[in-house]
Amino acid sequence: MPRPKGKLFVISGPSGAGKSTIVGKLLELAPDLVLSISYTSRSPRKGEIHGKNYFFISREEFLKKIKENFFLEWAEVHGNLYGTPAEFVLENLEQGHHVILEIDVQGALKIKEKFPEAVLIFIEPPDFKELEERLKKRSTESEEALRIRLENARHEIELAKYYNYRVVNNDIKETATQILRIIREEAAK
C-alpha cells in the first residue's frame, strides 16, 4: 500500500516569541519530524551555525536563487531576505514525512496560498511587555532595530487570525508539547 504523503506544518510568530527554541524542543520530542532549514541573506547571530540554523548566503546569491525558482516562498523581513528551499520540502512531503517550516508571517501566508492543506501554527508571547523584554535580553539589535521588530510584531500578531492555531508560549516544554499534540492530531486526519 502506498505511504500517505506527509503534511506541511508552518510555525511562525514575532521575533522573541521563542520559535527557534520551541522548534528545537519539538524536534527532541519527535525526531520523526523534518525541519526545513531556510536560506537567508542576513549575517549569522552569535552561536548560529550555517546549515543548522540557516543557510547564510549573500544577497546576490539569494537573488540568483529567486530567478532560478529555487524557493517555495521567500520574503524580505527586517531588511533581509529569507526563503524556503522548494526541492527539499517537496521531496520530503512526497516521501511521507511531516515537514516543519519555521518562517515569518509573510512566508506562511504565501505557503497557505500554494498549499491550502498546510497547517499554520502561530506562537504568541504571553503579552507585549514580555516580548519586548525577551528582545532586549537578546542584545542583538540596536534601539532602532528593536523598535522596528516591535512594530512588525504588532502587525504579525494581527495576521495571526489567518492561522489554524494560536499557541501562547508561557513555557518552552509545555508549548512544544502542545504543538506536538496539534501536529499528531492533524497528521491523523
Protein backbone atom coordinates (compact mmCIF):
# COMPACT_ATOMS: atom_id res chain seq x y z
CA MET A 1 0.00 0.00 0.00
CA PRO A 2 1.50 3.43 -0.88
CA ARG A 3 2.65 5.52 2.02
CA PRO A 4 0.46 8.59 2.62
CA LYS A 5 2.01 11.92 1.70
CA GLY A 6 3.42 13.99 4.54
CA LYS A 7 1.82 17.11 5.94
CA LEU A 8 3.25 20.60 5.94
CA PHE A 9 3.30 22.50 9.24
CA VAL A 10 4.22 26.17 9.44
CA ILE A 11 5.35 27.69 12.73
CA SER A 12 5.51 31.48 12.93
CA GLY A 13 5.44 34.23 15.49
CA PRO A 14 7.04 37.59 16.16
CA SER A 15 10.76 37.95 16.92
CA GLY A 16 11.30 36.98 20.54
CA ALA A 17 8.26 34.68 20.79
CA GLY A 18 10.56 31.66 21.19
CA LYS A 19 10.02 29.97 17.81
CA SER A 20 13.54 28.56 17.39
CA THR A 21 13.75 27.26 20.95
CA ILE A 22 10.30 25.66 20.68
CA VAL A 23 11.08 24.06 17.32
CA GLY A 24 14.32 22.67 18.81
CA LYS A 25 12.37 21.15 21.71
CA LEU A 26 9.72 19.84 19.30
CA LEU A 27 12.39 18.01 17.29
CA GLU A 28 13.76 16.47 20.51
CA LEU A 29 10.28 15.22 21.39
CA ALA A 30 9.54 13.98 17.84
CA PRO A 31 12.69 13.16 15.85
CA ASP A 32 10.47 11.81 13.03
CA LEU A 33 9.54 15.39 12.07
CA VAL A 34 11.64 17.06 9.36
CA LEU A 35 12.70 20.68 9.70
CA SER A 36 13.27 22.63 6.54
CA ILE A 37 16.20 24.98 7.05
CA SER A 38 15.63 28.39 5.49
CA TYR A 39 18.10 30.40 3.46
CA THR A 40 18.82 33.99 4.48
CA SER A 41 20.85 36.95 3.31
CA ARG A 42 21.40 38.17 6.87
CA SER A 43 24.60 37.63 8.83
CA PRO A 44 24.66 34.89 11.46
CA ARG A 45 23.96 35.90 15.06
CA LYS A 46 26.37 34.74 17.75
CA GLY A 47 26.14 30.96 18.08
CA GLU A 48 24.24 30.37 14.83
CA ILE A 49 25.63 27.68 12.54
CA HIS A 50 25.46 27.61 8.73
CA GLY A 51 23.34 24.63 7.66
CA LYS A 52 21.85 24.16 11.13
CA ASN A 53 20.09 27.43 11.95
CA TYR A 54 20.02 28.83 8.40
CA PHE A 55 21.91 28.64 5.16
CA PHE A 56 23.63 32.03 5.21
CA ILE A 57 24.24 33.34 1.68
CA SER A 58 24.92 36.73 0.15
CA ARG A 59 22.07 38.93 -1.07
CA GLU A 60 23.37 38.43 -4.64
CA GLU A 61 23.29 34.61 -4.27
CA PHE A 62 19.78 34.84 -2.83
CA LEU A 63 18.53 36.99 -5.73
CA LYS A 64 20.05 34.48 -8.17
CA LYS A 65 18.18 31.62 -6.45
CA ILE A 66 14.91 33.59 -6.73
CA LYS A 67 15.42 33.82 -10.51
CA GLU A 68 16.11 30.07 -10.61
CA ASN A 69 12.78 29.35 -8.80
CA PHE A 70 14.76 27.66 -6.03
CA PHE A 71 12.35 28.81 -3.29
CA LEU A 72 8.89 27.56 -2.39
CA GLU A 73 8.36 31.00 -0.88
CA TRP A 74 10.57 33.92 0.01
CA ALA A 75 10.13 37.26 1.72
CA GLU A 76 12.04 40.30 2.83
CA VAL A 77 11.85 40.70 6.59
CA HIS A 78 13.63 43.38 8.64
CA GLY A 79 15.63 44.26 5.52
CA ASN A 80 16.91 40.71 4.99
CA LEU A 81 15.79 38.01 2.56
CA TYR A 82 14.52 34.64 3.81
CA GLY A 83 13.40 31.67 1.72
CA THR A 84 12.26 28.06 1.90
CA PRO A 85 14.03 25.57 -0.41
CA ALA A 86 11.34 24.02 -2.65
CA GLU A 87 13.03 20.75 -3.63
CA PHE A 88 13.86 19.72 -0.05
CA VAL A 89 10.31 20.33 1.17
CA LEU A 90 8.54 18.71 -1.79
CA GLU A 91 10.76 15.61 -1.75
CA ASN A 92 10.19 15.05 1.98
CA LEU A 93 6.41 15.51 1.66
CA GLU A 94 6.40 13.07 -1.28
CA GLN A 95 8.25 10.52 0.90
CA GLY A 96 5.52 10.83 3.54
CA HIS A 97 7.48 12.90 6.06
CA HIS A 98 5.81 15.66 8.05
CA VAL A 99 7.75 18.85 7.37
CA ILE A 100 8.04 21.89 9.65
CA LEU A 101 8.73 25.34 8.28
CA GLU A 102 9.80 27.92 10.83
CA ILE A 103 9.05 31.04 8.81
CA ASP A 104 7.66 34.54 9.14
CA VAL A 105 4.03 35.54 8.64
CA GLN A 106 4.55 36.78 5.05
CA GLY A 107 6.03 33.43 4.05
CA ALA A 108 3.35 31.49 5.93
CA LEU A 109 0.55 33.24 4.07
CA LYS A 110 2.29 32.52 0.74
CA ILE A 111 2.58 28.84 1.72
CA LYS A 112 -1.13 28.74 2.63
CA GLU A 113 -1.97 30.03 -0.88
CA LYS A 114 0.13 27.29 -2.54
CA PHE A 115 -0.73 24.56 -0.02
CA PRO A 116 -4.23 25.19 1.43
CA GLU A 117 -3.87 21.93 3.39
CA ALA A 118 -0.81 23.27 5.26
CA VAL A 119 -1.39 23.71 8.99
CA LEU A 120 -0.34 27.14 10.29
CA ILE A 121 0.58 27.48 13.98
CA PHE A 122 1.25 30.94 15.42
CA ILE A 123 3.34 31.26 18.60
CA GLU A 124 2.47 34.28 20.71
CA PRO A 125 4.26 35.79 23.66
CA PRO A 126 2.30 35.91 26.94
CA ASP A 127 1.98 39.68 26.41
CA PHE A 128 3.66 42.51 24.54
CA LYS A 129 5.75 43.67 27.51
CA GLU A 130 7.22 40.17 27.84
CA LEU A 131 8.06 40.17 24.12
CA GLU A 132 9.87 43.49 24.48
CA GLU A 133 11.87 42.16 27.46
CA ARG A 134 12.86 39.00 25.57
CA LEU A 135 14.10 41.04 22.60
CA LYS A 136 16.08 43.38 24.87
CA LYS A 137 17.68 40.40 26.65
CA ARG A 138 18.91 39.00 23.33
CA SER A 139 21.04 42.15 22.91
CA THR A 140 21.33 41.52 19.16
CA GLU A 141 19.58 44.68 17.96
CA SER A 142 20.19 48.41 18.06
CA GLU A 143 17.45 50.59 19.58
CA GLU A 144 16.18 51.38 16.06
CA ALA A 145 16.17 47.70 15.02
CA LEU A 146 14.36 46.81 18.26
CA ARG A 147 11.72 49.47 17.57
CA ILE A 148 11.18 48.08 14.05
CA ARG A 149 10.91 44.49 15.34
CA LEU A 150 8.29 45.56 17.89
CA GLU A 151 6.30 47.43 15.22
CA ASN A 152 6.47 44.36 12.98
CA ALA A 153 5.42 42.15 15.90
CA ARG A 154 2.20 44.16 16.34
CA HIS A 155 1.42 43.68 12.64
CA GLU A 156 2.29 39.96 12.74
CA ILE A 157 0.05 39.37 15.76
CA GLU A 158 -2.83 40.99 13.83
CA LEU A 159 -2.27 38.48 11.00
CA ALA A 160 -2.40 35.51 13.39
CA LYS A 161 -6.15 35.36 12.69
CA TYR A 162 -5.28 33.62 9.39
CA TYR A 163 -3.60 30.73 11.23
CA ASN A 164 -5.22 27.41 12.10
CA TYR A 165 -3.86 27.55 15.66
CA ARG A 166 -2.55 30.16 18.08
CA VAL A 167 -0.41 28.99 20.99
CA VAL A 168 0.80 31.24 23.82
CA ASN A 169 4.39 30.50 24.84
CA ASN A 170 4.47 30.64 28.65
CA ASP A 171 6.79 27.64 28.99
CA ILE A 172 9.01 26.12 26.26
CA LYS A 173 8.42 22.42 27.06
CA GLU A 174 4.68 22.90 27.63
CA THR A 175 4.33 24.89 24.39
CA ALA A 176 6.33 22.32 22.39
CA THR A 177 4.18 19.52 23.84
CA GLN A 178 1.01 21.41 22.92
CA ILE A 179 2.25 21.95 19.34
CA LEU A 180 3.27 18.29 19.04
CA ARG A 181 -0.28 17.32 20.07
CA ILE A 182 -1.63 19.58 17.31
CA ILE A 183 0.75 18.03 14.76
CA ARG A 184 -0.18 14.45 15.76
CA GLU A 185 -3.93 15.23 15.61
CA GLU A 186 -3.62 16.97 12.22
CA ALA A 187 -1.40 14.21 10.81
CA ALA A 188 -4.01 11.62 11.80
CA LYS A 189 -6.76 13.36 9.78
